[in-house]
PDB file of all heavy atoms in Angstrom:
ATOM      1  N   THR A   1       0.850  -1.185   0.008  1.00  0.00           N
ATOM      2  CA  THR A   1       0.002   0.002   0.004  1.00  0.00           C
ATOM      3  C   THR A   1       0.880   1.244   0.004  1.00  0.00           C
ATOM      4  O   THR A   1       1.740   1.399   0.888  1.00  0.00           O
ATOM      5  CB  THR A   1      -0.924   0.027   1.235  1.00  0.00           C
ATOM      6  OG1 THR A   1      -1.833  -1.078   1.155  1.00  0.00           O
ATOM      7  CG2 THR A   1      -1.727   1.315   1.285  1.00  0.00           C
ATOM      8  N   VAL A   2       0.678   2.094  -0.980  1.00  0.00           N
ATOM      9  CA  VAL A   2       1.467   3.309  -1.112  1.00  0.00           C
ATOM     10  C   VAL A   2       0.586   4.507  -0.739  1.00  0.00           C
ATOM     11  O   VAL A   2      -0.380   4.804  -1.439  1.00  0.00           O
ATOM     12  CB  VAL A   2       1.991   3.497  -2.545  1.00  0.00           C
ATOM     13  CG1 VAL A   2       2.913   4.717  -2.626  1.00  0.00           C
ATOM     14  CG2 VAL A   2       2.733   2.235  -3.011  1.00  0.00           C
ATOM     15  N   LEU A   3       0.900   5.152   0.380  1.00  0.00           N
ATOM     16  CA  LEU A   3       0.225   6.384   0.744  1.00  0.00           C
ATOM     17  C   LEU A   3       0.878   7.511  -0.022  1.00  0.00           C
ATOM     18  O   LEU A   3       2.089   7.753   0.127  1.00  0.00           O
ATOM     19  CB  LEU A   3       0.310   6.635   2.263  1.00  0.00           C
ATOM     20  CG  LEU A   3      -0.142   5.480   3.179  1.00  0.00           C
ATOM     21  CD1 LEU A   3      -0.037   5.918   4.637  1.00  0.00           C
ATOM     22  CD2 LEU A   3      -1.532   5.009   2.829  1.00  0.00           C
ATOM     23  N   THR A   4       0.133   8.196  -0.863  1.00  0.00           N
ATOM     24  CA  THR A   4       0.741   9.113  -1.816  1.00  0.00           C
ATOM     25  C   THR A   4      -0.140  10.309  -2.146  1.00  0.00           C
ATOM     26  O   THR A   4      -1.367  10.255  -1.997  1.00  0.00           O
ATOM     27  CB  THR A   4       1.089   8.346  -3.115  1.00  0.00           C
ATOM     28  OG1 THR A   4       1.687   9.241  -4.070  1.00  0.00           O
ATOM     29  CG2 THR A   4      -0.171   7.743  -3.729  1.00  0.00           C
ATOM     30  N   ASP A   5       0.488  11.353  -2.630  1.00  0.00           N
ATOM     31  CA  ASP A   5      -0.257  12.520  -3.104  1.00  0.00           C
ATOM     32  C   ASP A   5      -0.539  12.409  -4.600  1.00  0.00           C
ATOM     33  O   ASP A   5      -1.140  13.305  -5.186  1.00  0.00           O
ATOM     34  CB  ASP A   5       0.524  13.828  -2.817  1.00  0.00           C
ATOM     35  CG  ASP A   5       1.960  13.781  -3.309  1.00  0.00           C
ATOM     36  OD1 ASP A   5       2.364  12.752  -3.903  1.00  0.00           O
ATOM     37  OD2 ASP A   5       2.706  14.745  -3.083  1.00  0.00           O
ATOM     38  N   ASP A   6      -0.153  11.299  -5.225  1.00  0.00           N
ATOM     39  CA  ASP A   6      -0.345  11.110  -6.664  1.00  0.00           C
ATOM     40  C   ASP A   6      -0.669   9.632  -6.968  1.00  0.00           C
ATOM     41  O   ASP A   6       0.171   8.915  -7.513  1.00  0.00           O
ATOM     42  CB  ASP A   6       0.897  11.556  -7.420  1.00  0.00           C
ATOM     43  CG  ASP A   6       0.668  11.677  -8.910  1.00  0.00           C
ATOM     44  OD1 ASP A   6      -0.412  11.255  -9.386  1.00  0.00           O
ATOM     45  OD2 ASP A   6       1.565  12.168  -9.622  1.00  0.00           O
ATOM     46  N   PRO A   7      -1.887   9.169  -6.622  1.00  0.00           N
ATOM     47  CA  PRO A   7      -2.226   7.766  -6.845  1.00  0.00           C
ATOM     48  C   PRO A   7      -2.145   7.346  -8.312  1.00  0.00           C
ATOM     49  O   PRO A   7      -1.745   6.198  -8.600  1.00  0.00           O
ATOM     50  CB  PRO A   7      -3.686   7.690  -6.352  1.00  0.00           C
ATOM     51  CG  PRO A   7      -3.799   8.800  -5.353  1.00  0.00           C
ATOM     52  CD  PRO A   7      -2.948   9.910  -5.912  1.00  0.00           C
ATOM     53  N   ALA A   8      -2.507   8.213  -9.231  1.00  0.00           N
ATOM     54  CA  ALA A   8      -2.482   7.853 -10.649  1.00  0.00           C
ATOM     55  C   ALA A   8      -1.049   7.518 -11.076  1.00  0.00           C
ATOM     56  O   ALA A   8      -0.835   6.597 -11.881  1.00  0.00           O
ATOM     57  CB  ALA A   8      -3.042   9.000 -11.489  1.00  0.00           C
ATOM     58  N   ARG A   9      -0.098   8.237 -10.560  1.00  0.00           N
ATOM     59  CA  ARG A   9       1.303   7.984 -10.900  1.00  0.00           C
ATOM     60  C   ARG A   9       1.722   6.587 -10.406  1.00  0.00           C
ATOM     61  O   ARG A   9       2.363   5.841 -11.141  1.00  0.00           O
ATOM     62  CB  ARG A   9       2.187   9.048 -10.268  1.00  0.00           C
ATOM     63  CG  ARG A   9       3.684   8.833 -10.442  1.00  0.00           C
ATOM     64  CD  ARG A   9       4.469   9.966  -9.811  1.00  0.00           C
ATOM     65  NE  ARG A   9       5.909   9.756  -9.890  1.00  0.00           N
ATOM     66  CZ  ARG A   9       6.807  10.622  -9.390  1.00  0.00           C
ATOM     67  NH1 ARG A   9       6.403  11.745  -8.791  1.00  0.00           N
ATOM     68  NH2 ARG A   9       8.109  10.370  -9.502  1.00  0.00           N
ATOM     69  N   ILE A  10       1.330   6.253  -9.193  1.00  0.00           N
ATOM     70  CA  ILE A  10       1.690   4.957  -8.649  1.00  0.00           C
ATOM     71  C   ILE A  10       1.047   3.821  -9.427  1.00  0.00           C
ATOM     72  O   ILE A  10       1.693   2.835  -9.794  1.00  0.00           O
ATOM     73  CB  ILE A  10       1.286   4.869  -7.144  1.00  0.00           C
ATOM     74  CG1 ILE A  10       1.961   5.977  -6.346  1.00  0.00           C
ATOM     75  CG2 ILE A  10       1.620   3.491  -6.591  1.00  0.00           C
ATOM     76  CD1 ILE A  10       3.452   5.995  -6.427  1.00  0.00           C
ATOM     77  N   MET A  11      -0.250   3.937  -9.687  1.00  0.00           N
ATOM     78  CA  MET A  11      -0.936   2.876 -10.391  1.00  0.00           C
ATOM     79  C   MET A  11      -0.446   2.770 -11.837  1.00  0.00           C
ATOM     80  O   MET A  11      -0.521   1.693 -12.429  1.00  0.00           O
ATOM     81  CB  MET A  11      -2.437   3.123 -10.339  1.00  0.00           C
ATOM     82  CG  MET A  11      -3.024   3.109  -8.913  1.00  0.00           C
ATOM     83  SD  MET A  11      -2.463   1.715  -7.908  1.00  0.00           S
ATOM     84  CE  MET A  11      -3.164   0.338  -8.803  1.00  0.00           C
ATOM     85  N   GLY A  12       0.067   3.871 -12.390  1.00  0.00           N
ATOM     86  CA  GLY A  12       0.589   3.840 -13.741  1.00  0.00           C
ATOM     87  C   GLY A  12       1.867   3.029 -13.878  1.00  0.00           C
ATOM     88  O   GLY A  12       2.242   2.639 -14.990  1.00  0.00           O
ATOM     89  N   ILE A  13       2.529   2.769 -12.760  1.00  0.00           N
ATOM     90  CA  ILE A  13       3.757   1.959 -12.814  1.00  0.00           C
ATOM     91  C   ILE A  13       3.411   0.518 -13.168  1.00  0.00           C
ATOM     92  O   ILE A  13       4.185  -0.191 -13.800  1.00  0.00           O
ATOM     93  CB  ILE A  13       4.495   2.029 -11.463  1.00  0.00           C
ATOM     94  CG1 ILE A  13       4.888   3.475 -11.141  1.00  0.00           C
ATOM     95  CG2 ILE A  13       5.751   1.145 -11.497  1.00  0.00           C
ATOM     96  CD1 ILE A  13       5.508   3.649  -9.772  1.00  0.00           C
ATOM     97  N   GLY A  14       2.236   0.058 -12.748  1.00  0.00           N
ATOM     98  CA  GLY A  14       1.760  -1.265 -13.131  1.00  0.00           C
ATOM     99  C   GLY A  14       2.323  -2.414 -12.325  1.00  0.00           C
ATOM    100  O   GLY A  14       2.556  -3.497 -12.880  1.00  0.00           O
ATOM    101  N   LEU A  15       2.537  -2.213 -11.021  1.00  0.00           N
ATOM    102  CA  LEU A  15       3.081  -3.274 -10.182  1.00  0.00           C
ATOM    103  C   LEU A  15       1.965  -4.171  -9.668  1.00  0.00           C
ATOM    104  O   LEU A  15       0.868  -3.716  -9.351  1.00  0.00           O
ATOM    105  CB  LEU A  15       3.835  -2.670  -9.000  1.00  0.00           C
ATOM    106  CG  LEU A  15       5.028  -1.778  -9.342  1.00  0.00           C
ATOM    107  CD1 LEU A  15       5.568  -1.133  -8.081  1.00  0.00           C
ATOM    108  CD2 LEU A  15       6.095  -2.602 -10.054  1.00  0.00           C
ATOM    109  N   ARG A  16       2.256  -5.438  -9.527  1.00  0.00           N
ATOM    110  CA  ARG A  16       1.260  -6.390  -9.025  1.00  0.00           C
ATOM    111  C   ARG A  16       1.096  -6.209  -7.518  1.00  0.00           C
ATOM    112  O   ARG A  16       2.000  -5.787  -6.813  1.00  0.00           O
ATOM    113  CB  ARG A  16       1.664  -7.813  -9.340  1.00  0.00           C
ATOM    114  CG  ARG A  16       2.873  -8.325  -8.565  1.00  0.00           C
ATOM    115  CD  ARG A  16       3.101  -9.806  -8.782  1.00  0.00           C
ATOM    116  NE  ARG A  16       4.122 -10.342  -7.882  1.00  0.00           N
ATOM    117  CZ  ARG A  16       3.870 -10.750  -6.639  1.00  0.00           C
ATOM    118  NH1 ARG A  16       2.649 -10.637  -6.149  1.00  0.00           N
ATOM    119  NH2 ARG A  16       4.848 -11.217  -5.887  1.00  0.00           N
ATOM    120  N   ASP A  17      -0.074  -6.592  -7.032  1.00  0.00           N
ATOM    121  CA  ASP A  17      -0.373  -6.561  -5.595  1.00  0.00           C
ATOM    122  C   ASP A  17       0.047  -5.237  -4.953  1.00  0.00           C
ATOM    123  O   ASP A  17       0.641  -5.217  -3.873  1.00  0.00           O
ATOM    124  CB  ASP A  17       0.324  -7.738  -4.884  1.00  0.00           C
ATOM    125  CG  ASP A  17      -0.197  -9.079  -5.351  1.00  0.00           C
ATOM    126  OD1 ASP A  17      -1.405  -9.176  -5.665  1.00  0.00           O
ATOM    127  OD2 ASP A  17       0.590 -10.032  -5.420  1.00  0.00           O
ATOM    128  N   THR A  18      -0.278  -4.165  -5.631  1.00  0.00           N
ATOM    129  CA  THR A  18       0.086  -2.829  -5.156  1.00  0.00           C
ATOM    130  C   THR A  18      -1.124  -1.909  -5.309  1.00  0.00           C
ATOM    131  O   THR A  18      -1.783  -1.940  -6.365  1.00  0.00           O
ATOM    132  CB  THR A  18       1.279  -2.256  -5.938  1.00  0.00           C
ATOM    133  OG1 THR A  18       2.431  -3.118  -5.765  1.00  0.00           O
ATOM    134  CG2 THR A  18       1.631  -0.853  -5.445  1.00  0.00           C
ATOM    135  N   ARG A  19      -1.413  -1.137  -4.285  1.00  0.00           N
ATOM    136  CA  ARG A  19      -2.500  -0.156  -4.384  1.00  0.00           C
ATOM    137  C   ARG A  19      -2.002   1.192  -3.905  1.00  0.00           C
ATOM    138  O   ARG A  19      -0.983   1.290  -3.205  1.00  0.00           O
ATOM    139  CB  ARG A  19      -3.711  -0.594  -3.516  1.00  0.00           C
ATOM    140  CG  ARG A  19      -3.406  -0.663  -2.023  1.00  0.00           C
ATOM    141  CD  ARG A  19      -4.671  -0.866  -1.191  1.00  0.00           C
ATOM    142  NE  ARG A  19      -4.353  -0.962   0.223  1.00  0.00           N
ATOM    143  CZ  ARG A  19      -5.261  -0.831   1.211  1.00  0.00           C
ATOM    144  NH1 ARG A  19      -6.532  -0.579   0.910  1.00  0.00           N
ATOM    145  NH2 ARG A  19      -4.877  -0.952   2.455  1.00  0.00           N
ATOM    146  N   ALA A  20      -2.698   2.251  -4.316  1.00  0.00           N
ATOM    147  CA  ALA A  20      -2.345   3.609  -3.918  1.00  0.00           C
ATOM    148  C   ALA A  20      -3.497   4.208  -3.129  1.00  0.00           C
ATOM    149  O   ALA A  20      -4.670   4.072  -3.518  1.00  0.00           O
ATOM    150  CB  ALA A  20      -2.064   4.457  -5.148  1.00  0.00           C
ATOM    151  N   VAL A  21      -3.183   4.867  -2.022  1.00  0.00           N
ATOM    152  CA  VAL A  21      -4.177   5.524  -1.183  1.00  0.00           C
ATOM    153  C   VAL A  21      -3.815   7.002  -1.133  1.00  0.00           C
ATOM    154  O   VAL A  21      -2.680   7.351  -0.781  1.00  0.00           O
ATOM    155  CB  VAL A  21      -4.217   4.912   0.230  1.00  0.00           C
ATOM    156  CG1 VAL A  21      -5.166   5.693   1.127  1.00  0.00           C
ATOM    157  CG2 VAL A  21      -4.630   3.441   0.152  1.00  0.00           C
ATOM    158  N   LEU A  22      -4.773   7.836  -1.423  1.00  0.00           N
ATOM    159  CA  LEU A  22      -4.534   9.279  -1.466  1.00  0.00           C
ATOM    160  C   LEU A  22      -4.345   9.858  -0.059  1.00  0.00           C
ATOM    161  O   LEU A  22      -5.153   9.617   0.836  1.00  0.00           O
ATOM    162  CB  LEU A  22      -5.716   9.976  -2.144  1.00  0.00           C
ATOM    163  CG  LEU A  22      -5.624  11.523  -2.259  1.00  0.00           C
ATOM    164  CD1 LEU A  22      -4.472  11.908  -3.171  1.00  0.00           C
ATOM    165  CD2 LEU A  22      -6.948  12.083  -2.799  1.00  0.00           C
ATOM    166  N   LEU A  23      -3.276  10.622   0.111  1.00  0.00           N
ATOM    167  CA  LEU A  23      -3.031  11.329   1.367  1.00  0.00           C
ATOM    168  C   LEU A  23      -3.995  12.495   1.492  1.00  0.00           C
ATOM    169  O   LEU A  23      -4.530  12.998   0.488  1.00  0.00           O
ATOM    170  CB  LEU A  23      -1.594  11.830   1.392  1.00  0.00           C
ATOM    171  CG  LEU A  23      -0.511  10.773   1.541  1.00  0.00           C
ATOM    172  CD1 LEU A  23       0.856  11.317   1.143  1.00  0.00           C
ATOM    173  CD2 LEU A  23      -0.465  10.227   2.967  1.00  0.00           C
ATOM    174  N   PRO A  24      -4.252  12.973   2.707  1.00  0.00           N
ATOM    175  CA  PRO A  24      -5.177  14.118   2.878  1.00  0.00           C
ATOM    176  C   PRO A  24      -4.756  15.327   2.077  1.00  0.00           C
ATOM    177  O   PRO A  24      -3.583  15.747   2.139  1.00  0.00           O
ATOM    178  CB  PRO A  24      -5.098  14.380   4.402  1.00  0.00           C
ATOM    179  CG  PRO A  24      -4.697  13.066   4.998  1.00  0.00           C
ATOM    180  CD  PRO A  24      -3.760  12.444   4.001  1.00  0.00           C
ATOM    181  N   ASP A  25      -5.689  15.890   1.350  1.00  0.00           N
ATOM    182  CA  ASP A  25      -5.379  17.036   0.489  1.00  0.00           C
ATOM    183  C   ASP A  25      -4.924  18.258   1.267  1.00  0.00           C
ATOM    184  O   ASP A  25      -4.145  19.085   0.754  1.00  0.00           O
ATOM    185  CB  ASP A  25      -6.601  17.419  -0.335  1.00  0.00           C
ATOM    186  CG  ASP A  25      -6.870  16.428  -1.460  1.00  0.00           C
ATOM    187  OD1 ASP A  25      -5.921  15.763  -1.912  1.00  0.00           O
ATOM    188  OD2 ASP A  25      -8.034  16.321  -1.887  1.00  0.00           O
ATOM    189  N   ASP A  26      -5.406  18.409   2.490  1.00  0.00           N
ATOM    190  CA  ASP A  26      -5.135  19.651   3.230  1.00  0.00           C
ATOM    191  C   ASP A  26      -3.866  19.584   4.067  1.00  0.00           C
ATOM    192  O   ASP A  26      -3.541  20.561   4.743  1.00  0.00           O
ATOM    193  CB  ASP A  26      -6.328  19.995   4.140  1.00  0.00           C
ATOM    194  CG  ASP A  26      -6.610  18.927   5.176  1.00  0.00           C
ATOM    195  OD1 ASP A  26      -6.222  17.767   4.945  1.00  0.00           O
ATOM    196  OD2 ASP A  26      -7.224  19.254   6.206  1.00  0.00           O
ATOM    197  N   TRP A  27      -3.117  18.483   4.028  1.00  0.00           N
ATOM    198  CA  TRP A  27      -1.888  18.427   4.827  1.00  0.00           C
ATOM    199  C   TRP A  27      -0.739  19.131   4.108  1.00  0.00           C
ATOM    200  O   TRP A  27      -0.082  19.969   4.679  1.00  0.00           O
ATOM    201  CB  TRP A  27      -1.530  16.994   5.141  1.00  0.00           C
ATOM    202  CG  TRP A  27      -2.411  16.383   6.207  1.00  0.00           C
ATOM    203  CD1 TRP A  27      -3.616  16.859   6.619  1.00  0.00           C
ATOM    204  CD2 TRP A  27      -2.154  15.203   6.973  1.00  0.00           C
ATOM    205  NE1 TRP A  27      -4.128  16.055   7.607  1.00  0.00           N
ATOM    206  CE2 TRP A  27      -3.246  15.018   7.843  1.00  0.00           C
ATOM    207  CE3 TRP A  27      -1.126  14.273   7.008  1.00  0.00           C
ATOM    208  CZ2 TRP A  27      -3.334  13.951   8.745  1.00  0.00           C
ATOM    209  CZ3 TRP A  27      -1.194  13.208   7.890  1.00  0.00           C
ATOM    210  CH2 TRP A  27      -2.277  13.063   8.758  1.00  0.00           C
ATOM    211  N   ARG A  28      -0.470  18.782   2.880  1.00  0.00           N
ATOM    212  CA  ARG A  28       0.497  19.479   2.033  1.00  0.00           C
ATOM    213  C   ARG A  28       1.833  19.713   2.702  1.00  0.00           C
ATOM    214  O   ARG A  28       2.354  20.835   2.774  1.00  0.00           O
ATOM    215  CB  ARG A  28      -0.093  20.821   1.555  1.00  0.00           C
ATOM    216  CG  ARG A  28      -1.365  20.652   0.767  1.00  0.00           C
ATOM    217  CD  ARG A  28      -1.833  21.940   0.080  1.00  0.00           C
ATOM    218  NE  ARG A  28      -3.085  21.747  -0.622  1.00  0.00           N
ATOM    219  CZ  ARG A  28      -3.209  21.175  -1.810  1.00  0.00           C
ATOM    220  NH1 ARG A  28      -2.127  20.716  -2.438  1.00  0.00           N
ATOM    221  NH2 ARG A  28      -4.397  21.041  -2.387  1.00  0.00           N
ATOM    222  N   PHE A  29       2.447  18.654   3.216  1.00  0.00           N
ATOM    223  CA  PHE A  29       3.770  18.758   3.815  1.00  0.00           C
ATOM    224  C   PHE A  29       4.825  18.766   2.697  1.00  0.00           C
ATOM    225  O   PHE A  29       4.632  18.179   1.634  1.00  0.00           O
ATOM    226  CB  PHE A  29       4.044  17.577   4.744  1.00  0.00           C
ATOM    227  CG  PHE A  29       3.057  17.484   5.882  1.00  0.00           C
ATOM    228  CD1 PHE A  29       2.486  16.245   6.215  1.00  0.00           C
ATOM    229  CD2 PHE A  29       2.708  18.583   6.637  1.00  0.00           C
ATOM    230  CE1 PHE A  29       1.582  16.146   7.258  1.00  0.00           C
ATOM    231  CE2 PHE A  29       1.803  18.490   7.683  1.00  0.00           C
ATOM    232  CZ  PHE A  29       1.242  17.258   7.995  1.00  0.00           C
ATOM    233  N   THR A  30       5.927  19.427   2.958  1.00  0.00           N
ATOM    234  CA  THR A  30       7.031  19.482   2.000  1.00  0.00           C
ATOM    235  C   THR A  30       8.342  19.197   2.717  1.00  0.00           C
ATOM    236  O   THR A  30       8.440  19.314   3.939  1.00  0.00           O
ATOM    237  CB  THR A  30       7.100  20.844   1.289  1.00  0.00           C
ATOM    238  OG1 THR A  30       7.302  21.870   2.300  1.00  0.00           O
ATOM    239  CG2 THR A  30       5.850  21.139   0.509  1.00  0.00           C
ATOM    240  N   GLY A  31       9.357  18.850   1.916  1.00  0.00           N
ATOM    241  CA  GLY A  31      10.693  18.647   2.471  1.00  0.00           C
ATOM    242  C   GLY A  31      10.678  17.590   3.572  1.00  0.00           C
ATOM    243  O   GLY A  31      10.023  16.576   3.507  1.00  0.00           O
ATOM    244  N   ARG A  32      11.436  17.896   4.633  1.00  0.00           N
ATOM    245  CA  ARG A  32      11.563  16.940   5.737  1.00  0.00           C
ATOM    246  C   ARG A  32      10.237  16.734   6.475  1.00  0.00           C
ATOM    247  O   ARG A  32      10.033  15.724   7.133  1.00  0.00           O
ATOM    248  CB  ARG A  32      12.637  17.385   6.702  1.00  0.00           C
ATOM    249  CG  ARG A  32      14.025  17.444   6.085  1.00  0.00           C
ATOM    250  CD  ARG A  32      15.095  17.788   7.089  1.00  0.00           C
ATOM    251  NE  ARG A  32      15.275  16.725   8.073  1.00  0.00           N
ATOM    252  CZ  ARG A  32      16.151  16.788   9.065  1.00  0.00           C
ATOM    253  NH1 ARG A  32      16.925  17.880   9.196  1.00  0.00           N
ATOM    254  NH2 ARG A  32      16.278  15.795   9.936  1.00  0.00           N
TER     255      ARG A  32
END
């Protein structure tokens, strides 16, 4: 399970037994 800000990018890789879960839109953390 990949927690990500870009699920379409993850699913586009085409890996088996892999899913993408969207991170909260309002968190918007950057850097460290």
